[in-house]
């Protein structure tokens, strides 16, 4: 299987064949703020010591270090990144520094004019949360915020202008509506749909086979469902090395982590943001056994596992 066929533009065979601590940075994620106007029941937020906003100086400095390493793709997230005062400045800075893909992970609740301006400044990828197919469940999944209609309209309009994917987190609160939510997302014109379980226990199989040809990421994940393969977790036959750490990173509060999943699951950072980050990450890569790390073993996503297995095969 070619990695390109899965649908994640940050993962491909060329990257797998050429990854090293010296290759260009392929994808980096910068958390701008812990603040959010939603209170989603499945969201864990960040540690108390990391709450707040990144300073504009630290944000510029981090992006500049990344671009000096040839960064191809950047993602701004949070919290809710559109609450960060200097998001437009950072998008502009990323654009003039020739970063190819500038992505925003958002709950989609800001006004459409603001999102359109981000596109003008250089954003060409939106990942928008849509955890329900109706306003009542939407209010429940957002922690009591009633903006369902605005989110639906934003997804529909932004999908006409640039690459938009919808992220659907499956929990006990919305699992009975997952088929309808996926169909709604597809009807809005999104490029793809990312379904993920909030917990390992969910084994529900959505009945949406007629939509799979339209959305490669959705097709990949649903196929895994039917094979009995969970979204999260490393099997004994999978490689025990994570090559993603070599040319991919997540930064929160001036600390760099192995990946965004490791950060979200409460793992320790590799170190502080500095000019020797690539070397520090290479040392982590050489010493680290993902089979012995509970966070990696239980939470690594299927697509990341497939990528790391491809790297092992190619090298």
C-alpha atoms as a PDB file:
ATOM      1  CA  UNK A   1       0.000   0.000   0.000  1.00  0.00           C
ATOM      2  CA  UNK A   2       1.248   3.458  -0.893  1.00  0.00           C
ATOM      3  CA  UNK A   3       1.024   5.948   1.941  1.00  0.00           C
ATOM      4  CA  UNK A   4      -0.313   8.516  -0.528  1.00  0.00           C
ATOM      5  CA  UNK A   5      -3.440   6.401  -0.993  1.00  0.00           C
ATOM      6  CA  UNK A   6      -4.427   6.889   2.654  1.00  0.00           C
ATOM      7  CA  UNK A   7      -5.129  10.577   2.089  1.00  0.00           C
ATOM      8  CA  UNK A   8      -2.892  12.313   4.650  1.00  0.00           C
ATOM      9  CA  UNK A   9      -0.801  14.762   2.608  1.00  0.00           C
ATOM     10  CA  UNK A  10       1.875  14.900   5.319  1.00  0.00           C
ATOM     11  CA  UNK A  11       2.565  11.172   4.959  1.00  0.00           C
ATOM     12  CA  UNK A  12       3.937   9.688   1.756  1.00  0.00           C
ATOM     13  CA  UNK A  13       6.417   7.133   0.482  1.00  0.00           C
ATOM     14  CA  UNK A  14       9.046   9.731  -0.409  1.00  0.00           C
ATOM     15  CA  UNK A  15       9.101  10.991   3.165  1.00  0.00           C
ATOM     16  CA  UNK A  16       9.345   7.441   4.503  1.00  0.00           C
ATOM     17  CA  UNK A  17      12.306   6.661   2.251  1.00  0.00           C
ATOM     18  CA  UNK A  18      14.248   9.808   3.108  1.00  0.00           C
ATOM     19  CA  UNK A  19      13.471  10.542   6.754  1.00  0.00           C
ATOM     20  CA  UNK A  20      16.388  11.296   9.072  1.00  0.00           C
ATOM     21  CA  UNK A  21      17.442  13.818  11.689  1.00  0.00           C
ATOM     22  CA  UNK A  22      18.968  15.805   8.812  1.00  0.00           C
ATOM     23  CA  UNK A  23      16.031  15.763   6.381  1.00  0.00           C
ATOM     24  CA  UNK A  24      13.736  18.738   6.101  1.00  0.00           C
ATOM     25  CA  UNK A  25      11.034  19.109   8.727  1.00  0.00           C
ATOM     26  CA  UNK A  26       7.834  17.737   7.288  1.00  0.00           C
ATOM     27  CA  UNK A  27       5.115  18.703   9.751  1.00  0.00           C
ATOM     28  CA  UNK A  28       5.138  20.753  12.946  1.00  0.00           C
ATOM     29  CA  UNK A  29       2.281  21.755  15.236  1.00  0.00           C
ATOM     30  CA  UNK A  30       2.281  24.825  17.441  1.00  0.00           C
ATOM     31  CA  UNK A  31      -0.213  25.144  20.293  1.00  0.00           C
ATOM     32  CA  UNK A  32      -1.010  28.830  20.602  1.00  0.00           C
ATOM     33  CA  UNK A  33      -3.347  28.882  23.566  1.00  0.00           C
ATOM     34  CA  UNK A  34      -5.031  26.647  26.120  1.00  0.00           C
ATOM     35  CA  UNK A  35      -8.100  28.887  26.052  1.00  0.00           C
ATOM     36  CA  UNK A  36     -11.261  27.634  24.362  1.00  0.00           C
ATOM     37  CA  UNK A  37     -14.854  28.807  24.144  1.00  0.00           C
ATOM     38  CA  UNK A  38     -16.013  25.177  24.205  1.00  0.00           C
ATOM     39  CA  UNK A  39     -15.854  22.705  27.069  1.00  0.00           C
ATOM     40  CA  UNK A  40     -15.963  19.397  25.200  1.00  0.00           C
ATOM     41  CA  UNK A  41     -16.412  16.480  27.644  1.00  0.00           C
ATOM     42  CA  UNK A  42     -13.689  14.358  26.008  1.00  0.00           C
ATOM     43  CA  UNK A  43     -11.051  17.134  25.911  1.00  0.00           C
ATOM     44  CA  UNK A  44      -8.256  16.837  28.464  1.00  0.00           C
ATOM     45  CA  UNK A  45      -6.758  20.265  27.938  1.00  0.00           C
ATOM     46  CA  UNK A  46      -3.208  20.849  29.152  1.00  0.00           C
ATOM     47  CA  UNK A  47      -1.443  20.767  32.483  1.00  0.00           C
ATOM     48  CA  UNK A  48      -2.003  23.695  34.829  1.00  0.00           C
ATOM     49  CA  UNK A  49       1.584  24.910  34.360  1.00  0.00           C
ATOM     50  CA  UNK A  50       1.102  25.100  30.587  1.00  0.00           C
ATOM     51  CA  UNK A  51      -2.153  27.056  30.549  1.00  0.00           C
ATOM     52  CA  UNK A  52      -2.240  30.429  28.842  1.00  0.00           C
ATOM     53  CA  UNK A  53      -0.983  31.829  25.517  1.00  0.00           C
ATOM     54  CA  UNK A  54       2.389  31.434  23.894  1.00  0.00           C
ATOM     55  CA  UNK A  55       4.175  34.755  23.621  1.00  0.00           C
ATOM     56  CA  UNK A  56       4.394  36.194  20.135  1.00  0.00           C
ATOM     57  CA  UNK A  57       8.179  36.241  20.481  1.00  0.00           C
ATOM     58  CA  UNK A  58       8.343  32.514  21.286  1.00  0.00           C
ATOM     59  CA  UNK A  59       5.937  31.723  18.452  1.00  0.00           C
ATOM     60  CA  UNK A  60       7.978  33.661  15.867  1.00  0.00           C
ATOM     61  CA  UNK A  61      11.213  32.172  17.177  1.00  0.00           C
ATOM     62  CA  UNK A  62       9.885  28.615  16.968  1.00  0.00           C
ATOM     63  CA  UNK A  63       8.553  29.052  13.436  1.00  0.00           C
ATOM     64  CA  UNK A  64      11.816  30.641  12.323  1.00  0.00           C
ATOM     65  CA  UNK A  65      13.835  27.700  13.666  1.00  0.00           C
ATOM     66  CA  UNK A  66      11.492  25.337  11.845  1.00  0.00           C
ATOM     67  CA  UNK A  67      11.721  27.212   8.537  1.00  0.00           C
ATOM     68  CA  UNK A  68      15.510  27.158   8.800  1.00  0.00           C
ATOM     69  CA  UNK A  69      15.099  23.362   8.728  1.00  0.00           C
ATOM     70  CA  UNK A  70      12.973  23.544   5.567  1.00  0.00           C
ATOM     71  CA  UNK A  71       9.553  23.105   7.188  1.00  0.00           C
ATOM     72  CA  UNK A  72       6.906  22.035   4.662  1.00  0.00           C
ATOM     73  CA  UNK A  73       3.689  21.993   6.714  1.00  0.00           C
ATOM     74  CA  UNK A  74       2.590  23.814   9.859  1.00  0.00           C
ATOM     75  CA  UNK A  75      -0.519  23.439  12.000  1.00  0.00           C
ATOM     76  CA  UNK A  76      -1.797  25.933  14.559  1.00  0.00           C
ATOM     77  CA  UNK A  77      -3.973  24.501  17.313  1.00  0.00           C
ATOM     78  CA  UNK A  78      -5.006  24.975  20.928  1.00  0.00           C
ATOM     79  CA  UNK A  79      -7.298  25.257  22.834  1.00  0.00           C
ATOM     80  CA  UNK A  80      -9.072  27.223  20.152  1.00  0.00           C
ATOM     81  CA  UNK A  81      -6.365  28.935  18.051  1.00  0.00           C
ATOM     82  CA  UNK A  82      -8.718  31.572  16.626  1.00  0.00           C
ATOM     83  CA  UNK A  83      -8.891  33.061  20.132  1.00  0.00           C
ATOM     84  CA  UNK A  84      -5.165  33.816  19.949  1.00  0.00           C
ATOM     85  CA  UNK A  85      -4.612  37.510  19.318  1.00  0.00           C
ATOM     86  CA  UNK A  86      -1.705  37.098  16.907  1.00  0.00           C
ATOM     87  CA  UNK A  87      -2.903  34.163  14.779  1.00  0.00           C
ATOM     88  CA  UNK A  88      -3.164  36.311  11.655  1.00  0.00           C
ATOM     89  CA  UNK A  89       0.389  37.571  12.195  1.00  0.00           C
ATOM     90  CA  UNK A  90       1.704  34.008  12.487  1.00  0.00           C
ATOM     91  CA  UNK A  91      -0.144  32.884   9.366  1.00  0.00           C
ATOM     92  CA  UNK A  92       1.369  35.784   7.422  1.00  0.00           C
ATOM     93  CA  UNK A  93       4.823  35.019   8.835  1.00  0.00           C
ATOM     94  CA  UNK A  94       4.477  31.362   7.828  1.00  0.00           C
ATOM     95  CA  UNK A  95       3.368  32.323   4.345  1.00  0.00           C
ATOM     96  CA  UNK A  96       6.241  34.727   3.663  1.00  0.00           C
ATOM     97  CA  UNK A  97       8.634  32.039   4.904  1.00  0.00           C
ATOM     98  CA  UNK A  98       7.389  29.715   2.145  1.00  0.00           C
ATOM     99  CA  UNK A  99       5.675  27.069   4.267  1.00  0.00           C
ATOM    100  CA  UNK A 100       3.589  25.119   1.747  1.00  0.00           C
ATOM    101  CA  UNK A 101       0.634  24.050   3.883  1.00  0.00           C
ATOM    102  CA  UNK A 102      -0.686  26.255   6.680  1.00  0.00           C
ATOM    103  CA  UNK A 103      -3.348  24.458   8.695  1.00  0.00           C
ATOM    104  CA  UNK A 104      -5.715  25.489  11.468  1.00  0.00           C
ATOM    105  CA  UNK A 105      -7.445  23.083  13.857  1.00  0.00           C
ATOM    106  CA  UNK A 106     -10.600  24.826  15.022  1.00  0.00           C
ATOM    107  CA  UNK A 107     -14.027  24.170  16.478  1.00  0.00           C
ATOM    108  CA  UNK A 108     -15.421  26.259  13.639  1.00  0.00           C
ATOM    109  CA  UNK A 109     -17.335  28.680  15.855  1.00  0.00           C
ATOM    110  CA  UNK A 110     -15.655  31.944  14.828  1.00  0.00           C
ATOM    111  CA  UNK A 111     -17.296  34.178  12.263  1.00  0.00           C
ATOM    112  CA  UNK A 112     -16.958  33.303   8.590  1.00  0.00           C
ATOM    113  CA  UNK A 113     -15.343  36.635   7.696  1.00  0.00           C
ATOM    114  CA  UNK A 114     -12.456  35.875  10.062  1.00  0.00           C
ATOM    115  CA  UNK A 115     -11.854  32.425   8.533  1.00  0.00           C
ATOM    116  CA  UNK A 116     -11.967  33.875   5.021  1.00  0.00           C
ATOM    117  CA  UNK A 117      -9.351  36.440   5.979  1.00  0.00           C
ATOM    118  CA  UNK A 118      -7.103  33.634   7.240  1.00  0.00           C
ATOM    119  CA  UNK A 119      -7.369  32.078   3.775  1.00  0.00           C
ATOM    120  CA  UNK A 120      -6.342  35.384   2.184  1.00  0.00           C
ATOM    121  CA  UNK A 121      -3.303  35.461   4.465  1.00  0.00           C
ATOM    122  CA  UNK A 122      -2.217  31.932   3.536  1.00  0.00           C
ATOM    123  CA  UNK A 123      -4.239  29.267   5.347  1.00  0.00           C
ATOM    124  CA  UNK A 124      -5.011  26.391   2.975  1.00  0.00           C
ATOM    125  CA  UNK A 125      -6.158  23.662   5.371  1.00  0.00           C
ATOM    126  CA  UNK A 126      -8.895  23.708   8.008  1.00  0.00           C
ATOM    127  CA  UNK A 127      -9.605  20.801  10.334  1.00  0.00           C
ATOM    128  CA  UNK A 128     -12.978  21.508  11.922  1.00  0.00           C
ATOM    129  CA  UNK A 129     -14.626  19.551  14.734  1.00  0.00           C
ATOM    130  CA  UNK A 130     -18.107  18.211  14.012  1.00  0.00           C
ATOM    131  CA  UNK A 131     -19.141  15.712  16.671  1.00  0.00           C
ATOM    132  CA  UNK A 132     -22.885  15.674  16.017  1.00  0.00           C
ATOM    133  CA  UNK A 133     -25.577  15.794  13.360  1.00  0.00           C
ATOM    134  CA  UNK A 134     -28.018  18.018  15.227  1.00  0.00           C
ATOM    135  CA  UNK A 135     -28.046  21.096  17.434  1.00  0.00           C
ATOM    136  CA  UNK A 136     -29.063  19.295  20.637  1.00  0.00           C
ATOM    137  CA  UNK A 137     -26.196  16.789  20.548  1.00  0.00           C
ATOM    138  CA  UNK A 138     -23.897  19.536  19.305  1.00  0.00           C
ATOM    139  CA  UNK A 139     -24.634  21.535  22.414  1.00  0.00           C
ATOM    140  CA  UNK A 140     -23.901  18.481  24.561  1.00  0.00           C
ATOM    141  CA  UNK A 141     -20.620  17.700  22.784  1.00  0.00           C
ATOM    142  CA  UNK A 142     -19.426  21.319  23.002  1.00  0.00           C
ATOM    143  CA  UNK A 143     -20.148  21.552  26.701  1.00  0.00           C
ATOM    144  CA  UNK A 144     -23.240  23.703  26.406  1.00  0.00           C
ATOM    145  CA  UNK A 145     -22.387  26.086  23.539  1.00  0.00           C
ATOM    146  CA  UNK A 146     -25.201  26.631  21.018  1.00  0.00           C
ATOM    147  CA  UNK A 147     -23.482  27.490  17.707  1.00  0.00           C
ATOM    148  CA  UNK A 148     -24.301  24.387  15.639  1.00  0.00           C
ATOM    149  CA  UNK A 149     -25.853  26.237  12.693  1.00  0.00           C
ATOM    150  CA  UNK A 150     -22.910  28.627  12.450  1.00  0.00           C
ATOM    151  CA  UNK A 151     -20.430  25.739  12.380  1.00  0.00           C
ATOM    152  CA  UNK A 152     -22.412  23.946   9.675  1.00  0.00           C
ATOM    153  CA  UNK A 153     -22.496  27.086   7.520  1.00  0.00           C
ATOM    154  CA  UNK A 154     -18.784  27.758   8.070  1.00  0.00           C
ATOM    155  CA  UNK A 155     -17.850  24.225   7.013  1.00  0.00           C
ATOM    156  CA  UNK A 156     -20.016  24.487   3.904  1.00  0.00           C
ATOM    157  CA  UNK A 157     -18.647  27.880   2.824  1.00  0.00           C
ATOM    158  CA  UNK A 158     -14.981  27.190   3.627  1.00  0.00           C
ATOM    159  CA  UNK A 159     -15.138  23.871   1.737  1.00  0.00           C
ATOM    160  CA  UNK A 160     -15.838  25.894  -1.406  1.00  0.00           C
ATOM    161  CA  UNK A 161     -12.625  27.860  -0.928  1.00  0.00           C
ATOM    162  CA  UNK A 162      -9.921  25.498   0.354  1.00  0.00           C
ATOM    163  CA  UNK A 163      -9.088  22.067   1.749  1.00  0.00           C
ATOM    164  CA  UNK A 164     -11.368  21.251   4.690  1.00  0.00           C
ATOM    165  CA  UNK A 165     -11.554  18.086   6.737  1.00  0.00           C
ATOM    166  CA  UNK A 166     -13.984  17.334   9.525  1.00  0.00           C
ATOM    167  CA  UNK A 167     -12.904  15.579  12.706  1.00  0.00           C
ATOM    168  CA  UNK A 168     -15.504  13.428  14.454  1.00  0.00           C
ATOM    169  CA  UNK A 169     -14.697  12.113  17.917  1.00  0.00           C
ATOM    170  CA  UNK A 170     -16.834   9.098  18.833  1.00  0.00           C
ATOM    171  CA  UNK A 171     -17.988   8.908  22.438  1.00  0.00           C
ATOM    172  CA  UNK A 172     -20.882   7.250  24.271  1.00  0.00           C
ATOM    173  CA  UNK A 173     -22.786  10.541  23.889  1.00  0.00           C
ATOM    174  CA  UNK A 174     -22.843  10.624  20.093  1.00  0.00           C
ATOM    175  CA  UNK A 175     -22.152   7.078  18.918  1.00  0.00           C
ATOM    176  CA  UNK A 176     -25.778   6.361  17.981  1.00  0.00           C
ATOM    177  CA  UNK A 177     -25.742   9.298  15.564  1.00  0.00           C
ATOM    178  CA  UNK A 178     -22.356   8.677  13.967  1.00  0.00           C
ATOM    179  CA  UNK A 179     -23.807   7.520  10.624  1.00  0.00           C
ATOM    180  CA  UNK A 180     -25.896  10.688  10.315  1.00  0.00           C
ATOM    181  CA  UNK A 181     -22.960  12.881  11.371  1.00  0.00           C
ATOM    182  CA  UNK A 182     -20.684  11.389   8.712  1.00  0.00           C
ATOM    183  CA  UNK A 183     -23.391  11.800   6.044  1.00  0.00           C
ATOM    184  CA  UNK A 184     -23.959  15.405   7.104  1.00  0.00           C
ATOM    185  CA  UNK A 185     -20.241  16.176   6.913  1.00  0.00           C
ATOM    186  CA  UNK A 186     -20.011  14.662   3.445  1.00  0.00           C
ATOM    187  CA  UNK A 187     -23.019  16.668   2.250  1.00  0.00           C
ATOM    188  CA  UNK A 188     -21.254  19.904   3.231  1.00  0.00           C
ATOM    189  CA  UNK A 189     -18.575  19.328   0.583  1.00  0.00           C
ATOM    190  CA  UNK A 190     -15.593  18.543   2.825  1.00  0.00           C
ATOM    191  CA  UNK A 191     -12.526  16.943   1.283  1.00  0.00           C
ATOM    192  CA  UNK A 192     -12.310  14.254   3.943  1.00  0.00           C
ATOM    193  CA  UNK A 193     -13.638  12.990   7.259  1.00  0.00           C
ATOM    194  CA  UNK A 194     -11.459  11.850  10.152  1.00  0.00           C
ATOM    195  CA  UNK A 195     -13.229   9.528  12.562  1.00  0.00           C
ATOM    196  CA  UNK A 196     -11.497   8.797  15.843  1.00  0.00           C
ATOM    197  CA  UNK A 197     -12.536   7.118  19.064  1.00  0.00           C
ATOM    198  CA  UNK A 198     -12.129   8.964  22.338  1.00  0.00           C
ATOM    199  CA  UNK A 199     -11.571   5.607  24.038  1.00  0.00           C
ATOM    200  CA  UNK A 200     -10.343   2.167  23.024  1.00  0.00           C
ATOM    201  CA  UNK A 201     -13.648   0.493  23.865  1.00  0.00           C
ATOM    202  CA  UNK A 202     -15.629   1.828  20.915  1.00  0.00           C
ATOM    203  CA  UNK A 203     -15.923  -0.762  18.118  1.00  0.00           C
ATOM    204  CA  UNK A 204     -18.947   0.681  16.356  1.00  0.00           C
ATOM    205  CA  UNK A 205     -18.948   0.229  12.570  1.00  0.00           C
ATOM    206  CA  UNK A 206     -20.610   3.111  10.713  1.00  0.00           C
ATOM    207  CA  UNK A 207     -22.900   2.122   7.851  1.00  0.00           C
ATOM    208  CA  UNK A 208     -21.729   4.633   5.269  1.00  0.00           C
ATOM    209  CA  UNK A 209     -20.178   2.469   2.526  1.00  0.00           C
ATOM    210  CA  UNK A 210     -21.657   4.588  -0.286  1.00  0.00           C
ATOM    211  CA  UNK A 211     -19.559   7.588   0.798  1.00  0.00           C
ATOM    212  CA  UNK A 212     -16.163   5.912   0.992  1.00  0.00           C
ATOM    213  CA  UNK A 213     -15.135   6.603  -2.608  1.00  0.00           C
ATOM    214  CA  UNK A 214     -15.355  10.355  -1.906  1.00  0.00           C
ATOM    215  CA  UNK A 215     -13.138  10.452   1.167  1.00  0.00           C
ATOM    216  CA  UNK A 216      -9.831   8.489   1.195  1.00  0.00           C
ATOM    217  CA  UNK A 217      -9.068   9.009   4.905  1.00  0.00           C
ATOM    218  CA  UNK A 218     -12.557   7.886   5.874  1.00  0.00           C
ATOM    219  CA  UNK A 219     -12.244   4.885   3.552  1.00  0.00           C
ATOM    220  CA  UNK A 220      -8.904   3.905   5.074  1.00  0.00           C
ATOM    221  CA  UNK A 221     -10.230   4.096   8.628  1.00  0.00           C
ATOM    222  CA  UNK A 222     -13.518   2.294   7.960  1.00  0.00           C
ATOM    223  CA  UNK A 223     -11.636  -0.470   6.165  1.00  0.00           C
ATOM    224  CA  UNK A 224      -9.503  -0.886   9.260  1.00  0.00           C
ATOM    225  CA  UNK A 225     -12.680  -1.061  11.344  1.00  0.00           C
ATOM    226  CA  UNK A 226     -13.990  -3.929   9.257  1.00  0.00           C
ATOM    227  CA  UNK A 227     -10.681  -5.755   9.516  1.00  0.00           C
ATOM    228  CA  UNK A 228     -10.987  -5.566  13.294  1.00  0.00           C
ATOM    229  CA  UNK A 229      -8.100  -3.145  13.578  1.00  0.00           C
ATOM    230  CA  UNK A 230      -8.584  -0.421  16.211  1.00  0.00           C
ATOM    231  CA  UNK A 231      -7.774   3.201  15.427  1.00  0.00           C
ATOM    232  CA  UNK A 232      -5.377   3.392  18.343  1.00  0.00           C
ATOM    233  CA  UNK A 233      -2.630   1.020  19.423  1.00  0.00           C
ATOM    234  CA  UNK A 234       0.592  -0.732  18.361  1.00  0.00           C
ATOM    235  CA  UNK A 235       0.582  -4.488  17.734  1.00  0.00           C
ATOM    236  CA  UNK A 236       3.437  -6.850  18.524  1.00  0.00           C
ATOM    237  CA  UNK A 237       4.388  -7.195  14.849  1.00  0.00           C
ATOM    238  CA  UNK A 238       4.681  -3.445  14.345  1.00  0.00           C
ATOM    239  CA  UNK A 239       8.025  -1.652  14.563  1.00  0.00           C
ATOM    240  CA  UNK A 240       9.110  -0.420  17.975  1.00  0.00           C
ATOM    241  CA  UNK A 241      10.583   2.786  16.533  1.00  0.00           C
ATOM    242  CA  UNK A 242       8.791   6.076  15.840  1.00  0.00           C
ATOM    243  CA  UNK A 243      10.428   7.755  12.864  1.00  0.00           C
ATOM    244  CA  UNK A 244       7.935  10.612  12.981  1.00  0.00           C
ATOM    245  CA  UNK A 245       9.905  12.174  15.817  1.00  0.00           C
ATOM    246  CA  UNK A 246      12.783  12.844  13.408  1.00  0.00           C
ATOM    247  CA  UNK A 247      11.014  15.321  11.104  1.00  0.00           C
ATOM    248  CA  UNK A 248       7.786  16.107  12.926  1.00  0.00           C
ATOM    249  CA  UNK A 249       7.188  17.829  16.253  1.00  0.00           C
ATOM    250  CA  UNK A 250       4.654  19.452  18.535  1.00  0.00           C
ATOM    251  CA  UNK A 251       5.420  22.492  20.667  1.00  0.00           C
ATOM    252  CA  UNK A 252       3.600  23.746  23.744  1.00  0.00           C
ATOM    253  CA  UNK A 253       4.817  26.495  26.069  1.00  0.00           C
ATOM    254  CA  UNK A 254       8.362  26.474  24.647  1.00  0.00           C
ATOM    255  CA  UNK A 255       8.703  22.677  25.057  1.00  0.00           C
ATOM    256  CA  UNK A 256       8.943  20.185  22.208  1.00  0.00           C
ATOM    257  CA  UNK A 257       7.195  16.820  22.400  1.00  0.00           C
ATOM    258  CA  UNK A 258       7.600  13.617  20.359  1.00  0.00           C
ATOM    259  CA  UNK A 259       4.216  14.188  18.690  1.00  0.00           C
ATOM    260  CA  UNK A 260       0.865  15.847  19.305  1.00  0.00           C
ATOM    261  CA  UNK A 261      -0.674  12.597  20.589  1.00  0.00           C
ATOM    262  CA  UNK A 262       2.105  12.168  23.135  1.00  0.00           C
ATOM    263  CA  UNK A 263       1.523  15.738  24.292  1.00  0.00           C
ATOM    264  CA  UNK A 264      -2.261  15.332  24.526  1.00  0.00           C
ATOM    265  CA  UNK A 265      -1.912  12.110  26.512  1.00  0.00           C
ATOM    266  CA  UNK A 266       0.217  13.800  29.171  1.00  0.00           C
ATOM    267  CA  UNK A 267       3.634  12.524  28.121  1.00  0.00           C
ATOM    268  CA  UNK A 268       6.849  14.317  29.044  1.00  0.00           C
ATOM    269  CA  UNK A 269       8.496  16.735  26.602  1.00  0.00           C
ATOM    270  CA  UNK A 270      11.803  15.838  25.014  1.00  0.00           C
ATOM    271  CA  UNK A 271      13.220  19.227  25.954  1.00  0.00           C
ATOM    272  CA  UNK A 272      12.995  22.976  25.556  1.00  0.00           C
ATOM    273  CA  UNK A 273      12.714  24.645  22.167  1.00  0.00           C
ATOM    274  CA  UNK A 274      16.295  25.331  21.059  1.00  0.00           C
ATOM    275  CA  UNK A 275      18.637  25.080  18.091  1.00  0.00           C
ATOM    276  CA  UNK A 276      19.637  21.523  19.067  1.00  0.00           C
ATOM    277  CA  UNK A 277      16.105  20.099  18.996  1.00  0.00           C
ATOM    278  CA  UNK A 278      16.755  17.826  16.021  1.00  0.00           C
ATOM    279  CA  UNK A 279      19.733  16.256  17.780  1.00  0.00           C
ATOM    280  CA  UNK A 280      17.716  15.790  20.990  1.00  0.00           C
ATOM    281  CA  UNK A 281      14.925  14.156  19.020  1.00  0.00           C
ATOM    282  CA  UNK A 282      17.335  11.814  17.282  1.00  0.00           C
ATOM    283  CA  UNK A 283      18.680  10.661  20.657  1.00  0.00           C
ATOM    284  CA  UNK A 284      15.101  10.087  21.844  1.00  0.00           C
ATOM    285  CA  UNK A 285      14.420   8.090  18.670  1.00  0.00           C
ATOM    286  CA  UNK A 286      17.453   5.859  19.128  1.00  0.00           C
ATOM    287  CA  UNK A 287      16.759   5.137  22.798  1.00  0.00           C
ATOM    288  CA  UNK A 288      12.977   4.931  22.765  1.00  0.00           C
ATOM    289  CA  UNK A 289      11.015   1.684  22.449  1.00  0.00           C
ATOM    290  CA  UNK A 290       7.378   2.412  21.587  1.00  0.00           C
ATOM    291  CA  UNK A 291       6.321  -1.081  22.678  1.00  0.00           C
ATOM    292  CA  UNK A 292       7.492  -0.321  26.197  1.00  0.00           C
ATOM    293  CA  UNK A 293       5.925   3.145  26.366  1.00  0.00           C
ATOM    294  CA  UNK A 294       2.290   2.907  27.496  1.00  0.00           C
ATOM    295  CA  UNK A 295       1.316   6.146  25.748  1.00  0.00           C
ATOM    296  CA  UNK A 296       2.715   5.014  22.400  1.00  0.00           C
ATOM    297  CA  UNK A 297       1.544   1.430  22.685  1.00  0.00           C
ATOM    298  CA  UNK A 298      -2.053   2.310  23.543  1.00  0.00           C
ATOM    299  CA  UNK A 299      -2.603   5.587  21.698  1.00  0.00           C
ATOM    300  CA  UNK A 300      -0.568   5.683  18.492  1.00  0.00           C
ATOM    301  CA  UNK A 301      -2.908   6.134  15.521  1.00  0.00           C
ATOM    302  CA  UNK A 302      -3.259   3.512  12.797  1.00  0.00           C
ATOM    303  CA  UNK A 303      -1.884   5.813  10.091  1.00  0.00           C
ATOM    304  CA  UNK A 304       1.203   6.632  12.176  1.00  0.00           C
ATOM    305  CA  UNK A 305       1.814   2.934  12.788  1.00  0.00           C
ATOM    306  CA  UNK A 306       1.544   2.240   9.049  1.00  0.00           C
ATOM    307  CA  UNK A 307       3.970   5.072   8.322  1.00  0.00           C
ATOM    308  CA  UNK A 308       6.548   3.808  10.813  1.00  0.00           C
ATOM    309  CA  UNK A 309       6.239   0.283   9.441  1.00  0.00           C
ATOM    310  CA  UNK A 310       6.834   1.657   5.948  1.00  0.00           C
ATOM    311  CA  UNK A 311       9.981   3.459   7.135  1.00  0.00           C
ATOM    312  CA  UNK A 312      11.289   0.209   8.617  1.00  0.00           C
ATOM    313  CA  UNK A 313      10.587  -1.623   5.367  1.00  0.00           C
ATOM    314  CA  UNK A 314      12.257   1.037   3.209  1.00  0.00           C
ATOM    315  CA  UNK A 315      15.324   1.375   5.411  1.00  0.00           C
END
